[in-house]
Amino acid sequence: QVQLVESGGGLVQAGGSLRLSCEASGRTISSKNMGWFRQAPGKEREFVAAISWIGGTDYAGSVKGRFTISRDNAKNTVYLQMNSLKPEDTAVYYCTRILPWPRSADGDSWGQGTQVTVSS
């Protein structure tokens, strides 16, 4: 069982950038596929991005070209670099293990989430 803690959210103007971090403990994530989901009030949780244990990536069409997912296995951490942010990116962002690849959460690990708010 892995414990996940998301951080790095905040308030930013449209066009700005944020970098989210997901720090894992309890288990190594070096051999796991990991990803980010987000949920806005009144909306369903949606897939954002994923990175496989060997470095392959997948992105939702709404964020492709603006967001970049990466990982640092030595730090047991996954990142989400978000550029050119839009108001519709406003949501709580969560990280999780991805299983099966590429867009499914395995249901056994979620962090508390970090709030991202993008103003016009």
Protein backbone atom coordinates (compact mmCIF):
# COMPACT_ATOMS: atom_id res chain seq x y z
CA GLN A 1 0.00 0.00 0.00
CA VAL A 2 1.38 3.38 -1.06
CA GLN A 3 0.55 6.73 0.54
CA LEU A 4 0.42 9.76 -1.76
CA VAL A 5 0.63 13.46 -0.93
CA GLU A 6 -0.10 16.07 -3.60
CA SER A 7 1.21 19.62 -3.35
CA GLY A 8 1.95 22.68 -5.47
CA GLY A 9 -1.54 23.94 -6.20
CA GLY A 10 -2.59 27.53 -5.82
CA LEU A 11 -4.17 30.56 -7.45
CA VAL A 12 -2.84 31.69 -10.81
CA GLN A 13 -3.98 33.93 -13.65
CA ALA A 14 -4.87 32.53 -17.05
CA GLY A 15 -1.74 31.92 -19.08
CA GLY A 16 0.35 31.21 -16.00
CA SER A 17 2.09 28.06 -14.82
CA LEU A 18 2.14 25.72 -11.84
CA ARG A 19 4.11 22.59 -11.00
CA LEU A 20 2.35 19.91 -8.98
CA SER A 21 4.16 17.22 -7.00
CA CYS A 22 2.99 13.80 -5.82
CA GLU A 23 5.25 12.37 -3.12
CA ALA A 24 4.86 8.68 -2.36
CA SER A 25 5.75 6.74 0.77
CA GLY A 26 5.22 3.23 2.08
CA ARG A 27 6.16 1.63 -1.24
CA THR A 28 8.43 2.44 -4.12
CA ILE A 29 6.66 3.62 -7.26
CA SER A 30 9.62 3.01 -9.56
CA SER A 31 7.93 0.01 -11.20
CA LYS A 32 4.41 1.49 -11.24
CA ASN A 33 2.45 3.44 -13.82
CA MET A 34 1.33 6.72 -12.27
CA GLY A 35 -1.05 9.47 -13.28
CA TRP A 36 -3.06 12.58 -12.49
CA PHE A 37 -6.82 13.07 -12.39
CA ARG A 38 -8.82 16.18 -11.61
CA GLN A 39 -12.31 16.98 -10.40
CA ALA A 40 -14.19 20.29 -10.52
CA PRO A 41 -17.32 20.98 -8.42
CA GLY A 42 -20.34 19.32 -9.98
CA LYS A 43 -18.19 17.48 -12.52
CA GLU A 44 -17.03 13.91 -12.85
CA ARG A 45 -13.44 13.08 -12.11
CA GLU A 46 -11.46 13.11 -15.33
CA PHE A 47 -8.16 11.76 -16.53
CA VAL A 48 -5.38 14.30 -17.09
CA ALA A 49 -2.05 12.55 -17.72
CA ALA A 50 -0.16 9.32 -17.10
CA ILE A 51 3.43 8.11 -17.13
CA SER A 52 4.48 4.48 -17.31
CA TRP A 53 7.22 2.90 -15.28
CA ILE A 54 9.49 3.01 -18.33
CA GLY A 55 8.64 6.61 -19.21
CA GLY A 56 5.85 6.40 -21.77
CA THR A 57 3.21 9.12 -21.46
CA ASP A 58 -0.44 9.72 -22.27
CA TYR A 59 -2.44 12.96 -22.07
CA ALA A 60 -6.03 14.02 -22.25
CA GLY A 61 -6.71 16.01 -25.40
CA SER A 62 -7.68 19.07 -23.36
CA VAL A 63 -4.20 19.37 -21.85
CA LYS A 64 -1.95 17.98 -24.58
CA GLY A 65 0.73 20.48 -25.52
CA ARG A 66 0.27 22.44 -22.29
CA PHE A 67 0.94 19.92 -19.49
CA THR A 68 3.93 17.64 -19.01
CA ILE A 69 4.06 14.66 -16.65
CA SER A 70 7.41 13.43 -15.36
CA ARG A 71 8.86 11.34 -12.56
CA ASP A 72 11.94 11.17 -10.34
CA ASN A 73 12.20 7.63 -9.05
CA ALA A 74 15.08 8.49 -6.71
CA LYS A 75 12.69 10.86 -4.91
CA ASN A 76 9.67 8.56 -5.29
CA THR A 77 7.82 11.52 -6.80
CA VAL A 78 5.67 12.28 -9.85
CA TYR A 79 5.27 15.81 -11.23
CA LEU A 80 2.80 17.66 -13.41
CA GLN A 81 4.09 20.82 -15.07
CA MET A 82 1.12 22.92 -16.15
CA ASN A 83 1.66 25.78 -18.59
CA SER A 84 -0.71 28.12 -20.42
CA LEU A 85 -3.34 27.52 -17.77
CA LYS A 86 -7.00 28.20 -18.57
CA PRO A 87 -9.96 28.84 -16.25
CA GLU A 88 -11.37 25.44 -17.25
CA ASP A 89 -8.31 23.83 -15.64
CA THR A 90 -9.67 24.85 -12.23
CA ALA A 91 -10.14 21.68 -10.16
CA VAL A 92 -8.75 19.56 -7.36
CA TYR A 93 -5.88 17.50 -8.75
CA TYR A 94 -5.18 13.98 -7.50
CA CYS A 95 -2.47 11.46 -8.26
CA THR A 96 -2.85 7.70 -8.28
CA ARG A 97 -1.43 4.48 -9.62
CA ILE A 98 -2.56 3.75 -13.18
CA LEU A 99 -3.70 0.19 -13.78
CA PRO A 100 -4.42 -0.89 -16.42
CA TRP A 101 -2.51 1.39 -18.71
CA PRO A 102 -3.14 4.09 -19.80
CA ARG A 103 -6.15 5.82 -18.17
CA SER A 104 -7.54 3.69 -15.36
CA ALA A 105 -7.04 4.29 -11.64
CA ASP A 106 -6.51 1.07 -9.72
CA GLY A 107 -8.68 2.28 -6.83
CA ASP A 108 -6.32 1.53 -3.95
CA SER A 109 -4.25 4.73 -3.71
CA TRP A 110 -5.27 8.39 -3.76
CA GLY A 111 -3.83 11.47 -2.14
CA GLN A 112 -5.80 14.25 -0.49
CA GLY A 113 -5.61 16.38 -3.63
CA THR A 114 -4.34 19.88 -4.27
CA GLN A 115 -6.53 22.78 -5.39
CA VAL A 116 -5.71 24.61 -8.62
CA THR A 117 -7.64 27.81 -9.33
CA VAL A 118 -7.14 29.73 -12.57
CA SER A 119 -8.62 33.22 -12.85
CA SER A 120 -9.42 35.12 -16.04
